[in-house]
């Protein structure tokens, strides 16, 4: 993330403008026996988050991706890649997002969730949060003016959503 990598606390009234975040994943192993599953959380302000309030991100978020075999779960968002529990409130995402898939073909077992505000919610951590009285994942009063461009032969792109994946 442009401000914080992994966050389990409040991020309030922060701004990251004209920030360039780039992540390169280059796993070129070619056999399943060599495979190491990966989880990738990539976001403009935070890679993974809990509470975001009044956060503004403006800049570019670029993901250069190569993983020839095996499982991967990728959460890619303009503000945050993955929301564990808590909320996102009164935030602005104006990210220029680029996903460069350098695989030669589609790879079984790899899933991608992309959103201008948030890549996706973590259902398991949401349940853990509920045990401690933290109820509901939510996004309120946010503005998303992010863009997404993709390259690569194995990329299937639909319209960019504000939230990529909601369990």
N, C-alpha and C. Protein backbone atom coordinates (compact mmCIF):
# COMPACT_ATOMS: atom_id res chain seq x y z
N UNK A 1 0.82 -1.20 0.00
CA UNK A 1 0.00 0.00 0.00
C UNK A 1 0.85 1.25 0.00
N UNK A 2 0.24 2.34 -0.46
CA UNK A 2 0.95 3.61 -0.56
C UNK A 2 1.23 4.26 0.79
N UNK A 3 0.37 4.00 1.79
CA UNK A 3 0.58 4.55 3.13
C UNK A 3 0.99 3.47 4.13
N UNK A 4 0.28 2.34 4.10
CA UNK A 4 0.51 1.26 5.05
C UNK A 4 0.39 -0.07 4.31
N UNK A 5 1.22 -1.02 4.67
CA UNK A 5 1.11 -2.35 4.08
C UNK A 5 -0.09 -3.08 4.66
N UNK A 6 0.00 -3.49 5.91
CA UNK A 6 -1.07 -4.26 6.53
C UNK A 6 -1.53 -3.52 7.77
N UNK A 7 -2.85 -3.28 7.85
CA UNK A 7 -3.35 -2.49 8.95
C UNK A 7 -4.46 -3.18 9.72
N UNK A 8 -4.31 -3.22 11.05
CA UNK A 8 -5.35 -3.74 11.94
C UNK A 8 -5.85 -2.63 12.85
N UNK A 9 -5.77 -1.40 12.42
CA UNK A 9 -6.15 -0.28 13.26
C UNK A 9 -6.87 0.77 12.41
N UNK A 10 -7.11 1.93 12.98
CA UNK A 10 -7.77 3.02 12.30
C UNK A 10 -6.80 3.75 11.38
N UNK A 11 -7.27 4.08 10.20
CA UNK A 11 -6.58 5.05 9.36
C UNK A 11 -7.61 6.14 9.12
N UNK A 12 -7.35 7.32 9.68
CA UNK A 12 -8.35 8.38 9.66
C UNK A 12 -7.73 9.67 9.13
N UNK A 13 -8.49 10.32 8.21
CA UNK A 13 -8.13 11.63 7.67
C UNK A 13 -6.71 11.67 7.11
N UNK A 14 -6.39 10.68 6.28
CA UNK A 14 -5.08 10.60 5.64
C UNK A 14 -5.23 10.81 4.14
N UNK A 15 -4.17 11.32 3.55
CA UNK A 15 -4.20 11.57 2.11
C UNK A 15 -2.88 11.14 1.49
N UNK A 16 -2.99 10.39 0.41
CA UNK A 16 -1.82 10.02 -0.38
C UNK A 16 -2.14 10.43 -1.81
N UNK A 17 -1.52 11.50 -2.27
CA UNK A 17 -1.80 12.01 -3.61
C UNK A 17 -0.52 11.97 -4.45
N UNK A 18 -0.68 11.70 -5.72
CA UNK A 18 0.45 11.56 -6.64
C UNK A 18 1.42 10.48 -6.18
N UNK A 19 0.87 9.39 -5.67
CA UNK A 19 1.66 8.26 -5.19
C UNK A 19 1.65 7.17 -6.25
N UNK A 20 2.78 6.54 -6.46
CA UNK A 20 2.86 5.41 -7.38
C UNK A 20 3.23 4.15 -6.60
N UNK A 21 2.31 3.19 -6.62
CA UNK A 21 2.53 1.91 -5.95
C UNK A 21 2.66 0.85 -7.03
N UNK A 22 3.76 0.09 -7.01
CA UNK A 22 3.98 -0.97 -7.98
C UNK A 22 4.36 -2.24 -7.25
N UNK A 23 3.73 -3.34 -7.64
CA UNK A 23 4.05 -4.64 -7.07
C UNK A 23 4.35 -5.61 -8.21
N UNK A 24 5.46 -6.30 -8.11
CA UNK A 24 5.86 -7.28 -9.11
C UNK A 24 5.86 -8.67 -8.48
N UNK A 25 5.02 -9.55 -9.00
CA UNK A 25 5.04 -10.95 -8.58
C UNK A 25 5.54 -11.74 -9.78
N UNK A 26 6.67 -12.39 -9.61
CA UNK A 26 7.28 -13.12 -10.72
C UNK A 26 7.62 -14.53 -10.26
N UNK A 27 6.62 -15.41 -10.30
CA UNK A 27 6.79 -16.82 -9.92
C UNK A 27 6.75 -17.63 -11.21
N UNK A 28 7.91 -18.01 -11.71
CA UNK A 28 7.99 -18.67 -13.00
C UNK A 28 8.14 -20.19 -12.91
N UNK A 29 7.97 -20.75 -11.72
CA UNK A 29 8.02 -22.21 -11.60
C UNK A 29 6.96 -22.81 -12.51
N UNK A 30 7.25 -23.94 -13.11
CA UNK A 30 6.36 -24.48 -14.13
C UNK A 30 5.70 -25.80 -13.76
N UNK A 31 6.04 -26.40 -12.64
CA UNK A 31 5.39 -27.65 -12.27
C UNK A 31 4.61 -27.47 -10.97
N UNK A 32 3.51 -28.21 -10.86
CA UNK A 32 2.68 -28.10 -9.68
C UNK A 32 3.45 -28.50 -8.42
N UNK A 33 4.39 -29.45 -8.55
CA UNK A 33 5.19 -29.89 -7.41
C UNK A 33 5.99 -28.73 -6.81
N UNK A 34 6.37 -27.79 -7.65
CA UNK A 34 7.14 -26.63 -7.18
C UNK A 34 6.23 -25.49 -6.70
N UNK A 35 4.94 -25.66 -6.89
CA UNK A 35 4.00 -24.58 -6.65
C UNK A 35 3.93 -24.14 -5.19
N UNK A 36 3.85 -22.85 -4.98
CA UNK A 36 3.59 -22.27 -3.68
C UNK A 36 2.36 -21.38 -3.84
N UNK A 37 1.24 -21.71 -3.15
CA UNK A 37 0.05 -20.87 -3.27
C UNK A 37 0.34 -19.46 -2.74
N UNK A 38 -0.29 -18.46 -3.33
CA UNK A 38 -0.08 -17.09 -2.87
C UNK A 38 -1.41 -16.38 -2.67
N UNK A 39 -1.41 -15.47 -1.71
CA UNK A 39 -2.48 -14.51 -1.51
C UNK A 39 -1.85 -13.15 -1.69
N UNK A 40 -2.43 -12.33 -2.57
CA UNK A 40 -1.90 -11.01 -2.83
C UNK A 40 -2.95 -9.98 -2.47
N UNK A 41 -2.57 -9.01 -1.64
CA UNK A 41 -3.43 -7.89 -1.29
C UNK A 41 -2.69 -6.63 -1.73
N UNK A 42 -3.27 -5.89 -2.64
CA UNK A 42 -2.61 -4.70 -3.18
C UNK A 42 -3.61 -3.57 -3.25
N UNK A 43 -3.29 -2.44 -2.62
CA UNK A 43 -4.17 -1.28 -2.65
C UNK A 43 -3.39 0.01 -2.66
N UNK A 44 -4.05 1.08 -3.11
CA UNK A 44 -3.39 2.38 -3.18
C UNK A 44 -2.97 2.90 -1.82
N UNK A 45 -3.91 2.96 -0.86
CA UNK A 45 -3.59 3.46 0.47
C UNK A 45 -3.07 2.34 1.38
N UNK A 46 -3.75 1.18 1.36
CA UNK A 46 -3.36 0.05 2.20
C UNK A 46 -3.47 -1.25 1.43
N UNK A 47 -2.58 -2.17 1.73
CA UNK A 47 -2.68 -3.50 1.12
C UNK A 47 -3.87 -4.25 1.71
N UNK A 48 -3.98 -4.24 3.03
CA UNK A 48 -5.14 -4.82 3.71
C UNK A 48 -5.51 -3.89 4.85
N UNK A 49 -6.81 -3.78 5.12
CA UNK A 49 -7.27 -2.75 6.03
C UNK A 49 -8.34 -3.26 6.97
N UNK A 50 -8.60 -2.44 8.00
CA UNK A 50 -9.67 -2.70 8.95
C UNK A 50 -10.64 -1.53 8.98
N UNK A 51 -10.18 -0.34 9.33
CA UNK A 51 -11.03 0.85 9.37
C UNK A 51 -10.37 1.97 8.56
N UNK A 52 -11.08 2.45 7.56
CA UNK A 52 -10.62 3.61 6.79
C UNK A 52 -11.69 4.68 6.90
N UNK A 53 -11.32 5.87 7.34
CA UNK A 53 -12.27 6.95 7.45
C UNK A 53 -11.61 8.24 6.97
N UNK A 54 -12.23 8.89 5.99
CA UNK A 54 -11.70 10.14 5.47
C UNK A 54 -10.38 9.98 4.74
N UNK A 55 -10.15 8.83 4.15
CA UNK A 55 -8.90 8.55 3.45
C UNK A 55 -9.06 8.88 1.95
N UNK A 56 -8.06 9.55 1.41
CA UNK A 56 -8.04 9.90 -0.01
C UNK A 56 -6.80 9.28 -0.64
N UNK A 57 -7.00 8.58 -1.75
CA UNK A 57 -5.85 8.09 -2.52
C UNK A 57 -5.98 8.57 -3.94
N UNK A 58 -4.91 9.17 -4.43
CA UNK A 58 -4.82 9.58 -5.83
C UNK A 58 -3.45 9.22 -6.36
N UNK A 59 -3.43 8.45 -7.40
CA UNK A 59 -2.15 8.04 -7.97
C UNK A 59 -2.32 6.77 -8.76
N UNK A 60 -1.21 6.10 -8.99
CA UNK A 60 -1.26 4.87 -9.78
C UNK A 60 -0.96 3.66 -8.90
N UNK A 61 -1.63 2.57 -9.24
CA UNK A 61 -1.38 1.28 -8.59
C UNK A 61 -1.17 0.28 -9.72
N UNK A 62 0.03 -0.26 -9.82
CA UNK A 62 0.38 -1.17 -10.91
C UNK A 62 0.75 -2.53 -10.36
N UNK A 63 0.19 -3.56 -10.97
CA UNK A 63 0.48 -4.93 -10.57
C UNK A 63 0.99 -5.68 -11.79
N UNK A 64 2.26 -6.08 -11.76
CA UNK A 64 2.88 -6.90 -12.80
C UNK A 64 2.89 -8.33 -12.28
N UNK A 65 2.14 -9.20 -12.95
CA UNK A 65 1.83 -10.52 -12.40
C UNK A 65 2.28 -11.65 -13.31
N UNK A 66 3.10 -12.55 -12.77
CA UNK A 66 3.46 -13.80 -13.44
C UNK A 66 3.40 -14.91 -12.40
N UNK A 67 2.54 -15.88 -12.63
CA UNK A 67 2.48 -17.10 -11.80
C UNK A 67 1.98 -18.19 -12.74
N UNK A 68 2.91 -18.97 -13.24
CA UNK A 68 2.61 -19.91 -14.32
C UNK A 68 1.75 -21.10 -13.90
N UNK A 69 1.83 -21.52 -12.64
CA UNK A 69 1.03 -22.66 -12.17
C UNK A 69 0.57 -22.40 -10.74
N UNK A 70 -0.49 -23.08 -10.36
CA UNK A 70 -0.89 -23.10 -8.97
C UNK A 70 -1.88 -22.05 -8.54
N UNK A 71 -2.28 -22.19 -7.29
CA UNK A 71 -3.33 -21.37 -6.70
C UNK A 71 -2.84 -19.97 -6.38
N UNK A 72 -3.72 -19.01 -6.63
CA UNK A 72 -3.47 -17.62 -6.25
C UNK A 72 -4.81 -16.93 -6.03
N UNK A 73 -4.91 -16.17 -4.97
CA UNK A 73 -6.06 -15.31 -4.72
C UNK A 73 -5.54 -13.88 -4.65
N UNK A 74 -6.01 -13.06 -5.59
CA UNK A 74 -5.52 -11.70 -5.73
C UNK A 74 -6.65 -10.72 -5.46
N UNK A 75 -6.43 -9.79 -4.52
CA UNK A 75 -7.38 -8.73 -4.20
C UNK A 75 -6.68 -7.41 -4.49
N UNK A 76 -7.20 -6.66 -5.45
CA UNK A 76 -6.53 -5.48 -5.99
C UNK A 76 -7.53 -4.32 -5.95
N UNK A 77 -7.25 -3.30 -5.12
CA UNK A 77 -8.19 -2.19 -4.98
C UNK A 77 -7.53 -0.83 -5.02
N UNK A 78 -8.31 0.18 -5.42
CA UNK A 78 -7.81 1.55 -5.48
C UNK A 78 -7.45 2.11 -4.12
N UNK A 79 -8.29 1.84 -3.10
CA UNK A 79 -7.96 2.25 -1.73
C UNK A 79 -7.30 1.14 -0.95
N UNK A 80 -7.93 -0.05 -0.97
CA UNK A 80 -7.43 -1.18 -0.20
C UNK A 80 -7.64 -2.47 -1.00
N UNK A 81 -6.70 -3.38 -0.85
CA UNK A 81 -6.84 -4.67 -1.52
C UNK A 81 -7.88 -5.54 -0.82
N UNK A 82 -7.75 -5.69 0.50
CA UNK A 82 -8.62 -6.59 1.25
C UNK A 82 -9.07 -5.91 2.54
N UNK A 83 -10.37 -5.95 2.82
CA UNK A 83 -10.94 -5.41 4.05
C UNK A 83 -11.23 -6.58 4.98
N UNK A 84 -10.60 -6.61 6.13
CA UNK A 84 -10.77 -7.72 7.06
C UNK A 84 -12.12 -7.67 7.77
N UNK A 85 -12.42 -6.59 8.40
CA UNK A 85 -13.71 -6.32 9.06
C UNK A 85 -13.72 -4.83 9.27
N UNK A 86 -14.77 -4.31 9.88
CA UNK A 86 -14.82 -2.88 10.08
C UNK A 86 -15.51 -2.17 8.93
N UNK A 87 -15.01 -0.98 8.57
CA UNK A 87 -15.69 -0.23 7.54
C UNK A 87 -14.76 0.71 6.79
N UNK A 88 -15.29 1.19 5.68
CA UNK A 88 -14.66 2.24 4.89
C UNK A 88 -15.70 3.34 4.78
N UNK A 89 -15.36 4.55 5.26
CA UNK A 89 -16.35 5.62 5.35
C UNK A 89 -15.74 6.95 4.89
N UNK A 90 -16.52 7.70 4.10
CA UNK A 90 -16.13 9.04 3.65
C UNK A 90 -14.76 9.07 2.99
N UNK A 91 -14.52 8.13 2.09
CA UNK A 91 -13.23 8.02 1.41
C UNK A 91 -13.36 8.34 -0.07
N UNK A 92 -12.25 8.68 -0.67
CA UNK A 92 -12.19 8.98 -2.10
C UNK A 92 -11.08 8.15 -2.74
N UNK A 93 -11.45 7.41 -3.77
CA UNK A 93 -10.48 6.63 -4.55
C UNK A 93 -10.42 7.22 -5.95
N UNK A 94 -9.27 7.72 -6.31
CA UNK A 94 -9.04 8.20 -7.67
C UNK A 94 -7.75 7.58 -8.20
N UNK A 95 -7.81 6.25 -8.26
CA UNK A 95 -6.64 5.46 -8.62
C UNK A 95 -6.64 5.14 -10.11
N UNK A 96 -5.48 5.22 -10.67
CA UNK A 96 -5.27 4.73 -12.03
C UNK A 96 -4.63 3.35 -11.87
N UNK A 97 -5.46 2.31 -12.04
CA UNK A 97 -5.05 0.94 -11.75
C UNK A 97 -4.65 0.23 -13.04
N UNK A 98 -3.52 -0.48 -12.99
CA UNK A 98 -3.05 -1.24 -14.14
C UNK A 98 -2.70 -2.65 -13.70
N UNK A 99 -3.26 -3.63 -14.39
CA UNK A 99 -2.97 -5.04 -14.13
C UNK A 99 -2.32 -5.62 -15.37
N UNK A 100 -1.06 -6.00 -15.26
CA UNK A 100 -0.31 -6.59 -16.36
C UNK A 100 -0.13 -8.08 -16.09
N UNK A 101 -0.94 -8.90 -16.74
CA UNK A 101 -0.84 -10.34 -16.57
C UNK A 101 0.15 -10.87 -17.60
N UNK A 102 1.26 -11.37 -17.13
CA UNK A 102 2.33 -11.82 -18.03
C UNK A 102 2.34 -13.32 -18.24
N UNK A 103 1.28 -14.01 -17.75
CA UNK A 103 1.16 -15.44 -18.01
C UNK A 103 0.84 -15.66 -19.48
N UNK A 104 1.31 -16.77 -20.02
CA UNK A 104 1.07 -17.08 -21.44
C UNK A 104 -0.36 -17.56 -21.69
N UNK A 105 -1.02 -18.08 -20.65
CA UNK A 105 -2.38 -18.59 -20.80
C UNK A 105 -3.08 -18.51 -19.46
N UNK A 106 -4.38 -18.74 -19.47
CA UNK A 106 -5.14 -18.77 -18.23
C UNK A 106 -4.64 -19.90 -17.33
N UNK A 107 -4.62 -19.68 -16.03
CA UNK A 107 -4.11 -20.67 -15.08
C UNK A 107 -5.25 -21.08 -14.16
N UNK A 108 -5.50 -22.39 -14.08
CA UNK A 108 -6.55 -22.92 -13.22
C UNK A 108 -6.22 -22.64 -11.75
N UNK A 109 -7.25 -22.25 -10.99
CA UNK A 109 -7.07 -22.04 -9.55
C UNK A 109 -6.61 -20.65 -9.17
N UNK A 110 -6.60 -19.73 -10.11
CA UNK A 110 -6.21 -18.36 -9.79
C UNK A 110 -7.44 -17.46 -9.92
N UNK A 111 -7.74 -16.73 -8.85
CA UNK A 111 -8.89 -15.85 -8.86
C UNK A 111 -8.44 -14.41 -8.60
N UNK A 112 -9.15 -13.48 -9.22
CA UNK A 112 -8.82 -12.07 -9.14
C UNK A 112 -10.06 -11.27 -8.78
N UNK A 113 -9.97 -10.39 -7.79
CA UNK A 113 -11.06 -9.50 -7.43
C UNK A 113 -10.50 -8.08 -7.46
N UNK A 114 -11.08 -7.24 -8.31
CA UNK A 114 -10.57 -5.89 -8.50
C UNK A 114 -11.70 -4.88 -8.31
N UNK A 115 -11.44 -3.85 -7.51
CA UNK A 115 -12.42 -2.78 -7.31
C UNK A 115 -11.75 -1.45 -7.14
N UNK A 116 -12.40 -0.40 -7.60
CA UNK A 116 -11.84 0.95 -7.50
C UNK A 116 -11.64 1.40 -6.06
N UNK A 117 -12.53 0.99 -5.16
CA UNK A 117 -12.37 1.29 -3.74
C UNK A 117 -11.70 0.12 -3.04
N UNK A 118 -12.22 -1.09 -3.28
CA UNK A 118 -11.80 -2.26 -2.53
C UNK A 118 -11.76 -3.49 -3.42
N UNK A 119 -10.69 -4.28 -3.29
CA UNK A 119 -10.62 -5.54 -4.02
C UNK A 119 -11.67 -6.52 -3.51
N UNK A 120 -11.78 -6.70 -2.19
CA UNK A 120 -12.78 -7.60 -1.65
C UNK A 120 -12.77 -7.64 -0.14
N UNK A 121 -13.81 -8.26 0.41
CA UNK A 121 -13.95 -8.47 1.85
C UNK A 121 -13.44 -9.86 2.21
N UNK A 122 -12.83 -9.99 3.37
CA UNK A 122 -12.38 -11.27 3.88
C UNK A 122 -13.49 -11.83 4.78
N UNK A 123 -14.21 -12.83 4.29
CA UNK A 123 -15.35 -13.38 5.02
C UNK A 123 -14.93 -14.01 6.35
N UNK A 124 -13.81 -14.69 6.39
CA UNK A 124 -13.36 -15.35 7.61
C UNK A 124 -13.05 -14.33 8.69
N UNK A 125 -12.28 -13.31 8.34
CA UNK A 125 -11.94 -12.28 9.33
C UNK A 125 -13.18 -11.49 9.73
N UNK A 126 -14.15 -11.36 8.85
CA UNK A 126 -15.41 -10.72 9.20
C UNK A 126 -16.12 -11.46 10.31
N UNK A 127 -16.07 -12.78 10.27
CA UNK A 127 -16.67 -13.60 11.33
C UNK A 127 -15.90 -13.45 12.64
N UNK A 128 -14.58 -13.40 12.55
CA UNK A 128 -13.75 -13.20 13.74
C UNK A 128 -14.08 -11.84 14.36
N UNK A 129 -14.20 -10.81 13.55
CA UNK A 129 -14.56 -9.49 14.04
C UNK A 129 -15.90 -9.50 14.74
N UNK A 130 -16.88 -10.24 14.20
CA UNK A 130 -18.21 -10.33 14.80
C UNK A 130 -18.14 -10.94 16.20
N UNK A 131 -17.22 -11.87 16.42
CA UNK A 131 -17.06 -12.48 17.74
C UNK A 131 -16.63 -11.44 18.78
N UNK A 132 -15.96 -10.39 18.34
CA UNK A 132 -15.50 -9.34 19.25
C UNK A 132 -16.43 -8.13 19.22
N UNK A 133 -17.63 -8.31 18.68
CA UNK A 133 -18.61 -7.23 18.67
C UNK A 133 -18.46 -6.25 17.53
N UNK A 134 -17.60 -6.54 16.58
CA UNK A 134 -17.44 -5.68 15.41
C UNK A 134 -18.40 -6.21 14.35
N UNK A 135 -19.47 -5.50 14.13
CA UNK A 135 -20.51 -6.04 13.25
C UNK A 135 -20.49 -5.37 11.89
N UNK A 136 -20.60 -6.21 10.90
CA UNK A 136 -20.83 -5.75 9.54
C UNK A 136 -19.67 -5.11 8.84
N UNK A 137 -19.39 -5.60 7.66
CA UNK A 137 -18.49 -4.93 6.75
C UNK A 137 -19.34 -3.94 5.98
N UNK A 138 -18.84 -2.71 5.83
CA UNK A 138 -19.64 -1.76 5.08
C UNK A 138 -18.76 -0.70 4.44
N UNK A 139 -19.30 -0.14 3.38
CA UNK A 139 -18.70 1.00 2.71
C UNK A 139 -19.79 2.05 2.61
N UNK A 140 -19.53 3.23 3.17
CA UNK A 140 -20.54 4.29 3.15
C UNK A 140 -19.91 5.62 2.74
N UNK A 141 -20.71 6.42 2.04
CA UNK A 141 -20.35 7.80 1.69
C UNK A 141 -19.00 7.91 0.99
N UNK A 142 -18.70 6.98 0.10
CA UNK A 142 -17.42 7.00 -0.61
C UNK A 142 -17.63 7.38 -2.07
N UNK A 143 -16.58 7.92 -2.66
CA UNK A 143 -16.59 8.26 -4.08
C UNK A 143 -15.47 7.49 -4.75
N UNK A 144 -15.81 6.87 -5.87
CA UNK A 144 -14.85 6.08 -6.64
C UNK A 144 -14.77 6.63 -8.05
N UNK A 145 -13.62 7.20 -8.41
CA UNK A 145 -13.40 7.66 -9.78
C UNK A 145 -12.13 7.01 -10.34
N UNK A 146 -11.96 5.75 -10.00
CA UNK A 146 -10.79 5.00 -10.43
C UNK A 146 -10.97 4.48 -11.85
N UNK A 147 -9.85 4.17 -12.47
CA UNK A 147 -9.85 3.54 -13.79
C UNK A 147 -9.01 2.28 -13.73
N UNK A 148 -9.30 1.36 -14.63
CA UNK A 148 -8.55 0.10 -14.70
C UNK A 148 -8.16 -0.18 -16.13
N UNK A 149 -6.89 -0.49 -16.34
CA UNK A 149 -6.44 -0.97 -17.64
C UNK A 149 -5.72 -2.29 -17.42
N UNK A 150 -5.82 -3.17 -18.40
CA UNK A 150 -5.21 -4.48 -18.28
C UNK A 150 -4.45 -4.83 -19.54
N UNK A 151 -3.44 -5.66 -19.36
CA UNK A 151 -2.73 -6.24 -20.50
C UNK A 151 -2.51 -7.71 -20.21
N UNK A 152 -2.36 -8.48 -21.26
CA UNK A 152 -2.04 -9.89 -21.09
C UNK A 152 -3.06 -10.80 -21.74
N UNK A 153 -2.59 -11.97 -22.13
CA UNK A 153 -3.44 -12.91 -22.84
C UNK A 153 -4.41 -13.64 -21.94
N UNK A 154 -4.17 -13.66 -20.64
CA UNK A 154 -5.01 -14.45 -19.75
C UNK A 154 -5.93 -13.60 -18.89
N UNK A 155 -6.18 -12.37 -19.31
CA UNK A 155 -6.99 -11.45 -18.50
C UNK A 155 -8.40 -11.40 -19.05
N UNK A 156 -9.36 -11.65 -18.19
CA UNK A 156 -10.77 -11.47 -18.53
C UNK A 156 -11.25 -10.28 -17.71
N UNK A 157 -11.67 -9.23 -18.38
CA UNK A 157 -12.02 -8.01 -17.68
C UNK A 157 -13.48 -7.66 -17.91
N UNK A 158 -14.18 -7.41 -16.83
CA UNK A 158 -15.51 -6.82 -16.95
C UNK A 158 -15.37 -5.36 -16.53
N UNK A 159 -16.45 -4.65 -16.44
CA UNK A 159 -16.38 -3.27 -15.99
C UNK A 159 -15.81 -3.21 -14.58
N UNK A 160 -15.01 -2.19 -14.33
CA UNK A 160 -14.46 -1.99 -12.99
C UNK A 160 -15.60 -1.67 -12.03
N UNK A 161 -15.61 -2.37 -10.92
CA UNK A 161 -16.62 -2.17 -9.89
C UNK A 161 -15.99 -1.38 -8.75
N UNK A 162 -16.83 -0.84 -7.87
CA UNK A 162 -16.29 -0.18 -6.68
C UNK A 162 -15.74 -1.21 -5.70
N UNK A 163 -16.41 -2.37 -5.62
CA UNK A 163 -15.93 -3.48 -4.79
C UNK A 163 -15.87 -4.71 -5.67
N UNK A 164 -14.72 -5.35 -5.72
CA UNK A 164 -14.52 -6.50 -6.60
C UNK A 164 -15.24 -7.75 -6.15
N UNK A 165 -15.18 -8.10 -4.86
CA UNK A 165 -15.71 -9.37 -4.38
C UNK A 165 -16.38 -9.16 -3.02
N UNK A 166 -17.63 -9.60 -2.92
CA UNK A 166 -18.36 -9.54 -1.65
C UNK A 166 -18.86 -10.94 -1.34
N UNK A 167 -18.34 -11.59 -0.28
CA UNK A 167 -18.79 -12.95 0.03
C UNK A 167 -20.21 -12.97 0.57
